[in-house]
Protein backbone atom coordinates (compact mmCIF):
# COMPACT_ATOMS: atom_id res chain seq x y z
CA MET A 1 -79.22 -50.35 165.57
CA ASN A 2 -80.13 -46.73 166.07
CA LYS A 3 -76.99 -44.64 166.32
CA ASP A 4 -78.31 -42.74 169.32
CA CYS A 5 -78.80 -45.99 171.21
CA TYR A 6 -75.41 -47.50 170.45
CA GLY A 7 -73.90 -48.21 173.84
CA PRO A 8 -70.32 -48.56 175.06
CA TYR A 9 -68.74 -52.00 174.96
CA VAL A 10 -65.61 -53.96 175.77
CA LYS A 11 -63.63 -55.99 173.25
CA CYS A 12 -61.18 -58.78 174.06
CA GLY A 13 -58.19 -59.06 171.73
CA ARG A 14 -55.87 -61.84 170.73
CA VAL A 15 -52.31 -62.55 171.89
CA PHE A 16 -49.35 -64.12 170.13
CA GLN A 17 -46.52 -66.40 171.27
CA PRO A 18 -43.44 -65.18 169.38
CA ASP A 19 -39.89 -66.33 169.99
CA LEU A 20 -38.04 -63.61 171.88
CA PRO A 21 -34.42 -62.95 170.85
CA ASN A 22 -31.66 -61.89 173.22
CA GLN A 23 -31.18 -58.67 171.24
CA LEU A 24 -33.55 -56.60 169.11
CA ASP A 25 -32.62 -53.30 167.52
CA GLN A 26 -35.18 -50.59 166.69
CA SER A 27 -34.09 -50.78 163.05
CA GLN A 28 -35.46 -54.36 162.92
CA PRO A 29 -39.15 -55.27 162.49
CA PRO A 30 -41.04 -55.10 165.80
CA ILE A 31 -42.36 -58.21 167.57
CA ILE A 32 -46.16 -58.21 167.92
CA LEU A 33 -47.41 -59.42 171.32
CA ALA A 34 -51.13 -58.65 171.12
CA GLU A 35 -53.79 -56.78 169.16
CA VAL A 36 -57.43 -55.82 169.51
CA PHE A 37 -59.90 -54.61 166.86
CA VAL A 38 -62.64 -52.06 167.59
CA ASP A 39 -65.32 -50.39 165.48
CA THR A 40 -66.02 -46.84 166.65
CA VAL A 41 -68.02 -45.66 163.63
CA LYS A 42 -71.33 -45.62 165.56
CA VAL A 43 -69.91 -44.00 168.69
CA GLU A 44 -69.27 -40.30 168.20
CA ARG A 45 -66.04 -39.02 169.76
CA PRO A 46 -65.41 -42.10 171.91
CA CYS A 47 -62.55 -42.80 174.28
CA VAL A 48 -60.87 -46.19 173.85
CA VAL A 49 -59.14 -47.44 177.00
CA ILE A 50 -56.51 -50.04 176.13
CA LYS A 51 -55.14 -52.32 178.86
CA PHE A 52 -52.42 -54.91 178.23
CA SER A 53 -51.09 -57.20 180.97
CA GLU A 54 -48.40 -59.89 181.15
CA PHE A 55 -45.75 -61.50 183.34
CA ILE A 56 -42.04 -61.11 182.56
CA ASN A 57 -40.12 -64.11 183.93
CA PHE A 58 -36.32 -63.83 183.95
CA THR A 59 -33.17 -65.05 185.69
CA VAL A 60 -29.98 -62.94 185.79
CA VAL A 61 -26.54 -63.98 187.00
CA GLY A 62 -23.01 -62.60 187.26
CA LEU A 63 -21.48 -59.20 186.53
CA ASP A 64 -23.29 -56.34 184.76
CA SER A 65 -26.62 -58.16 184.44
CA LYS A 66 -29.24 -56.37 182.37
CA LEU A 67 -32.67 -56.89 180.85
CA SER A 68 -34.32 -54.02 178.95
CA ILE A 69 -37.54 -54.25 176.89
CA ILE A 70 -39.19 -51.31 175.10
CA TYR A 71 -42.90 -51.72 174.31
CA ARG A 72 -44.94 -49.66 171.86
CA LEU A 73 -48.69 -49.13 171.39
CA VAL A 74 -49.70 -48.53 167.76
CA ARG A 75 -53.09 -47.53 166.37
CA GLU A 76 -53.85 -48.57 162.79
CA GLU A 77 -56.88 -47.06 161.03
CA GLU A 78 -58.63 -48.71 158.13
CA ALA A 79 -58.93 -45.44 156.20
CA LYS A 80 -55.29 -44.35 156.69
CA VAL A 81 -52.12 -45.75 155.18
CA TYR A 82 -49.68 -45.25 158.04
CA PRO A 83 -50.22 -46.39 161.64
CA GLN A 84 -49.69 -43.98 164.53
CA ILE A 85 -47.42 -44.58 167.52
CA LEU A 86 -49.41 -43.66 170.64
CA GLN A 87 -47.06 -44.51 173.53
CA GLU A 88 -43.82 -46.27 174.46
CA TRP A 89 -42.90 -47.93 177.75
CA GLN A 90 -39.61 -49.40 178.97
CA PHE A 91 -39.05 -52.18 181.48
CA GLU A 92 -35.49 -52.41 182.77
CA PHE A 93 -33.45 -54.33 185.33
CA ASP A 94 -29.75 -53.43 185.56
CA SER A 95 -27.19 -54.49 188.18
CA ALA A 96 -23.68 -53.19 187.41
CA LEU A 97 -21.95 -55.06 190.27
CA PRO A 98 -21.50 -58.82 190.71
CA LEU A 99 -24.53 -60.36 192.41
CA GLU A 100 -23.89 -61.50 195.96
CA ILE A 101 -25.94 -64.60 195.35
CA SER A 102 -25.59 -67.03 192.47
CA ASN A 103 -28.56 -65.70 190.50
CA VAL A 104 -31.74 -63.67 190.81
CA ALA A 105 -35.02 -65.07 189.47
CA SER A 106 -38.06 -62.83 189.14
CA SER A 107 -41.61 -62.97 187.83
CA GLN A 108 -42.61 -59.36 187.17
CA PRO A 109 -46.28 -58.46 186.51
CA THR A 110 -46.64 -55.72 183.90
CA VAL A 111 -49.72 -53.64 183.04
CA LEU A 112 -49.71 -51.07 180.23
CA SER A 113 -52.67 -48.66 180.02
CA TYR A 114 -53.56 -45.94 177.54
CA CYS A 115 -56.64 -43.71 177.14
CA ASP A 116 -57.18 -42.75 173.49
CA CYS A 117 -59.90 -40.10 173.05
CA LEU A 118 -60.82 -39.69 169.38
CA ASP A 119 -62.21 -36.81 167.35
CA LYS A 120 -65.22 -37.34 165.13
CA ASP A 121 -63.03 -37.51 162.00
CA ASP A 122 -60.84 -40.22 163.58
CA THR A 123 -63.63 -42.64 164.45
CA ASN A 124 -63.30 -45.68 162.26
CA LYS A 125 -62.39 -49.33 162.31
CA LEU A 126 -59.25 -49.40 164.40
CA THR A 127 -56.62 -51.95 165.36
CA TYR A 128 -54.50 -51.42 168.47
CA ARG A 129 -51.26 -53.41 168.69
CA ILE A 130 -48.73 -53.92 171.48
CA GLU A 131 -45.27 -54.45 170.04
CA ILE A 132 -41.73 -54.91 171.31
CA VAL A 133 -39.35 -52.61 169.44
CA GLU A 134 -36.13 -53.13 171.41
CA ILE A 135 -34.57 -55.85 173.58
CA LYS A 136 -31.21 -55.69 175.34
CA THR A 137 -29.87 -58.48 177.54
CA ASN A 138 -26.62 -59.25 179.30
CA ASN A 139 -26.00 -62.20 181.61
CA VAL A 140 -29.66 -63.17 181.42
CA ARG A 141 -29.88 -66.92 181.78
CA ASN A 142 -33.43 -67.09 180.43
CA TYR A 143 -36.53 -64.94 180.07
CA ASP A 144 -40.03 -65.22 178.66
CA ILE A 145 -43.36 -63.37 178.63
CA THR A 146 -46.47 -65.24 179.77
CA ASN A 147 -50.12 -64.68 180.74
CA LYS A 148 -50.65 -62.00 178.10
CA SER A 149 -54.03 -60.28 177.80
CA ILE A 150 -55.35 -57.24 175.95
CA ILE A 151 -58.76 -55.53 176.13
CA ALA A 152 -60.29 -52.37 174.65
CA ASN A 153 -63.03 -50.59 176.54
CA VAL A 154 -64.96 -48.30 174.14
CA LEU A 155 -66.85 -45.60 176.03
CA TYR A 156 -68.30 -42.15 175.59
CA ASP A 157 -66.25 -39.36 177.04
CA GLN A 158 -68.00 -37.25 179.65
CA GLU A 159 -69.18 -34.44 177.34
CA GLU A 160 -70.29 -36.73 174.52
CA ARG A 161 -72.30 -38.84 176.96
CA LYS A 162 -74.29 -35.74 177.94
CA LYS A 163 -75.00 -34.89 174.28
CA THR A 164 -76.00 -38.48 173.48
CA PHE A 165 -78.41 -38.62 176.38
CA SER A 166 -80.03 -35.35 175.27
CA ARG A 167 -80.70 -36.86 171.84
CA GLN A 168 -82.10 -40.02 173.41
CA LYS A 169 -84.79 -38.04 175.19
CA VAL A 170 -86.39 -37.28 171.83
CA TYR A 171 -86.83 -40.99 171.14
CA TYR A 172 -87.60 -42.12 174.66
CA ASN A 173 -89.67 -39.30 176.17
CA LYS A 174 -92.20 -41.77 177.54
CA LEU A 175 -89.42 -43.50 179.45
CA TYR A 176 -87.93 -40.30 180.87
CA TYR A 177 -91.01 -38.07 181.29
CA ASN A 178 -91.90 -37.45 184.94
CA LYS A 179 -95.66 -36.84 185.26
CA LYS A 180 -95.33 -35.38 188.76
CA THR A 181 -92.82 -32.68 187.83
CA GLY A 182 -93.71 -32.29 184.15
CA LEU A 183 -89.99 -32.59 183.34
CA TYR A 184 -87.71 -35.14 181.78
CA ASP A 185 -85.93 -37.07 184.50
CA SER A 186 -82.24 -37.09 183.63
CA ASP A 187 -81.52 -39.04 186.79
CA LYS A 188 -82.32 -42.22 184.90
CA ASP A 189 -79.35 -41.66 182.61
CA CYS A 190 -76.92 -44.48 183.28
CA ASN A 191 -74.71 -44.71 180.23
CA PRO A 192 -71.18 -45.56 181.40
CA PHE A 193 -68.49 -43.10 180.36
CA VAL A 194 -64.78 -42.46 180.76
CA GLN A 195 -62.86 -39.34 181.67
CA CYS A 196 -59.15 -39.16 180.87
CA GLY A 197 -57.19 -37.25 183.49
CA LYS A 198 -54.32 -34.79 183.51
CA VAL A 199 -50.79 -35.77 184.50
CA PHE A 200 -48.08 -33.56 185.96
CA ASN A 201 -44.28 -33.71 185.98
CA PRO A 202 -43.18 -32.17 189.27
CA VAL A 203 -39.71 -32.23 190.76
CA LEU A 204 -39.68 -35.40 192.89
CA PRO A 205 -38.22 -34.96 196.39
CA LEU A 206 -35.76 -37.55 197.71
CA GLN A 207 -37.08 -36.97 201.23
CA LEU A 208 -40.71 -36.08 201.97
CA SER A 209 -42.57 -36.23 205.29
CA ARG A 210 -46.30 -36.16 205.91
CA GLU A 211 -45.96 -32.69 207.42
CA ALA A 212 -44.88 -31.31 204.00
CA PRO A 213 -47.31 -30.60 201.14
CA PRO A 214 -47.91 -33.72 198.99
CA VAL A 215 -46.58 -33.97 195.44
CA VAL A 216 -49.42 -34.25 192.91
CA LEU A 217 -48.80 -36.67 190.03
CA ALA A 218 -52.20 -36.77 188.29
CA GLU A 219 -55.87 -35.86 188.66
CA VAL A 220 -59.19 -36.60 186.98
CA LYS A 221 -62.54 -34.79 187.34
CA VAL A 222 -65.97 -36.42 186.89
CA ASP A 223 -69.52 -35.09 187.02
CA ILE A 224 -72.05 -37.03 189.10
CA ASP A 225 -75.83 -36.78 188.55
CA ARG A 226 -78.11 -36.46 191.54
CA ASN A 227 -79.99 -39.43 193.00
CA VAL A 228 -78.16 -41.98 190.85
CA ASN A 229 -76.03 -44.81 192.18
CA LYS A 230 -72.68 -44.42 190.45
CA CYS A 231 -69.43 -46.35 190.74
CA VAL A 232 -66.21 -44.64 189.68
CA LEU A 233 -63.28 -46.93 188.85
CA VAL A 234 -60.15 -44.82 189.18
CA ASP A 235 -57.00 -46.18 187.54
CA PHE A 236 -53.48 -44.75 187.84
CA SER A 237 -50.50 -46.32 186.06
CA ALA A 238 -46.90 -45.30 185.44
CA PHE A 239 -43.35 -46.59 185.20
CA LEU A 240 -41.20 -46.05 188.27
CA THR A 241 -37.40 -46.02 187.99
CA SER A 242 -35.40 -46.76 191.15
CA ILE A 243 -31.65 -46.03 191.02
CA LEU A 244 -30.46 -47.77 194.19
CA LYS A 245 -27.06 -46.93 195.70
CA GLY A 246 -25.53 -46.72 199.15
CA GLU A 247 -27.85 -48.73 201.38
CA ASN A 248 -29.89 -49.61 198.28
CA PHE A 249 -33.48 -48.80 199.20
CA ASN A 250 -36.39 -46.69 197.99
CA SER A 251 -39.49 -46.14 200.14
CA LEU A 252 -42.53 -44.18 198.86
CA THR A 253 -46.17 -43.80 199.88
CA PHE A 254 -48.85 -42.91 197.33
CA ARG A 255 -52.31 -41.58 198.20
CA LEU A 256 -55.64 -41.14 196.38
CA VAL A 257 -57.81 -38.19 197.51
CA LYS A 258 -61.36 -37.22 196.46
CA THR A 259 -62.42 -33.56 196.63
CA CYS A 260 -66.00 -32.67 195.64
CA SER A 261 -67.94 -29.51 194.88
CA ASP A 262 -70.02 -30.03 198.05
CA TYR A 263 -66.84 -29.00 199.96
CA THR A 264 -66.00 -32.50 201.13
CA ARG A 265 -62.52 -34.01 201.02
CA GLN A 266 -61.75 -37.67 201.64
CA VAL A 267 -58.56 -39.75 201.64
CA LEU A 268 -59.64 -42.92 199.86
CA ARG A 269 -56.56 -45.12 200.09
CA GLU A 270 -52.78 -45.21 200.52
CA TRP A 271 -50.31 -47.58 198.90
CA PRO A 272 -46.74 -48.15 200.12
CA PHE A 273 -43.99 -48.81 197.57
CA ARG A 274 -40.74 -50.41 198.76
CA ARG A 275 -37.65 -51.46 196.84
CA ALA A 276 -34.45 -52.82 198.38
CA PHE A 277 -31.58 -54.76 196.82
CA VAL A 278 -28.24 -56.19 197.91
CA ASN A 279 -26.31 -54.38 195.13
CA ASN A 280 -26.37 -51.05 193.38
CA SER A 281 -29.19 -51.55 190.89
CA ASN A 282 -31.38 -49.78 188.36
CA ILE A 283 -34.98 -51.01 188.19
CA LYS A 284 -37.62 -49.53 185.87
CA GLU A 285 -40.95 -51.21 186.43
CA PRO A 286 -44.70 -50.58 186.01
CA ILE A 287 -46.96 -49.55 188.88
CA VAL A 288 -50.75 -49.77 188.72
CA TYR A 289 -53.22 -48.68 191.40
CA ASP A 290 -57.02 -49.04 191.13
CA TYR A 291 -59.81 -47.89 193.39
CA CYS A 292 -63.59 -48.36 193.06
CA ASP A 293 -65.64 -45.58 194.65
CA CYS A 294 -69.43 -46.14 194.76
CA PHE A 295 -71.78 -43.48 196.07
CA LYS A 296 -75.09 -41.69 195.57
CA SER A 297 -75.31 -37.92 195.59
CA LYS A 298 -78.45 -35.94 196.43
CA ILE A 299 -77.30 -33.08 194.20
CA ASN A 300 -75.53 -32.66 190.88
CA MET A 301 -71.87 -32.25 191.68
CA SER A 302 -68.36 -32.79 190.42
CA CYS A 303 -65.54 -34.68 192.13
CA THR A 304 -61.80 -34.53 191.48
CA TYR A 305 -59.66 -37.58 192.21
CA THR A 306 -56.01 -36.70 192.90
CA PHE A 307 -53.09 -39.14 192.98
CA GLU A 308 -50.12 -37.90 194.98
CA ILE A 309 -46.94 -38.80 196.87
CA VAL A 310 -47.13 -38.15 200.62
CA GLU A 311 -43.90 -39.80 201.82
CA ALA A 312 -40.46 -40.39 200.30
CA ASN A 313 -37.34 -41.85 201.88
CA LEU A 314 -34.34 -42.94 199.82
CA SER A 315 -30.91 -44.22 200.72
CA GLN A 316 -27.98 -41.84 200.22
CA GLN A 317 -27.04 -41.28 196.54
CA SER A 318 -30.20 -43.07 195.37
CA TYR A 319 -32.94 -41.40 193.35
CA TYR A 320 -36.14 -42.24 191.48
CA ALA A 321 -38.24 -41.08 188.53
CA ILE A 322 -41.88 -41.58 187.53
CA SER A 323 -42.72 -41.52 183.82
CA GLN A 324 -45.44 -42.59 181.33
CA LYS A 325 -48.13 -41.59 183.81
CA SER A 326 -51.81 -42.18 183.01
CA MET A 327 -54.99 -41.65 185.03
CA THR A 328 -58.56 -42.46 184.02
CA ALA A 329 -61.97 -42.59 185.66
CA LEU A 330 -64.53 -45.10 184.34
CA VAL A 331 -68.02 -44.28 185.59
CA TYR A 332 -70.61 -47.06 185.71
CA CYS A 333 -74.12 -47.58 187.03
CA GLY A 334 -74.38 -48.69 190.62
CA LYS A 335 -76.70 -51.31 192.05
CA ASN A 336 -80.30 -51.44 190.77
CA GLN A 337 -79.64 -49.01 187.90
CA GLN A 338 -80.36 -49.84 184.30
CA GLY A 339 -78.90 -48.49 181.08
CA SER A 340 -80.81 -45.99 178.96
CA CYS A 341 -81.03 -48.12 175.82
């Protein structure tokens, strides 16, 4: 296949069913949950979006109940001896006081996302692995991990997609040449691409009303070609820690806003987040919010998607933290558009 016509693709990985111990120290060999293999040799400077999902099922009982699992994403390259640790995430449930009911059973969905944009020298045959490197339990009657899935979406980044399309014009000038204007019609470019966003680490207020300025957590900017139906899949993920004391509740409202270079601003969606518990508890859990925005612009323009907190209300002595944030925008062709290859 011609290198200039090598398109983005998605690869499904394989999952494993290991026995999970009650304790695992980081000095011990990690437990592999899933892996996916990708070949990026023919895609210059790609971005690989890894998404792993699962359900954690557990039952805790009694005094000082705790379940803590630390996950790790590792990238292994065929041409290099040592793998590279890309990201770590921690899931945690901790209740220091005796439970007011006999036990608590939960089935917790977990999604881990990572956007890995590679340099030209790094493109190779790659293996991405999700591993468990640490497990701590106390008064956990049973737990297991089910419904595991891992995928790798290999895409151009925004700038490389523009360069690739420019090269394709040389080979496909009959397809893109507009006889009426005497110009090449770039509007027919419909290669999907990904843009990895920026994340911020602001001071998080314990109380926030809608009258106050919102707290920005992340943003991603994409360029949209004129007269082309495009769909932008915006994905935000993070781990949210709730330290619940006093009346034991945490209430937040997240919002996604789109601001474009044509001076328009639009609130796309809001998501409430609520946590309440009968005891003082520490909960560290994943949050994932997706939004699909399809539109057609009459001009070339850029749009910035911003993910923010607009409301916060916590019980006295409680607090929260948001870590391991990630935001990506995957841009695809809309209805009745065809790829360029």
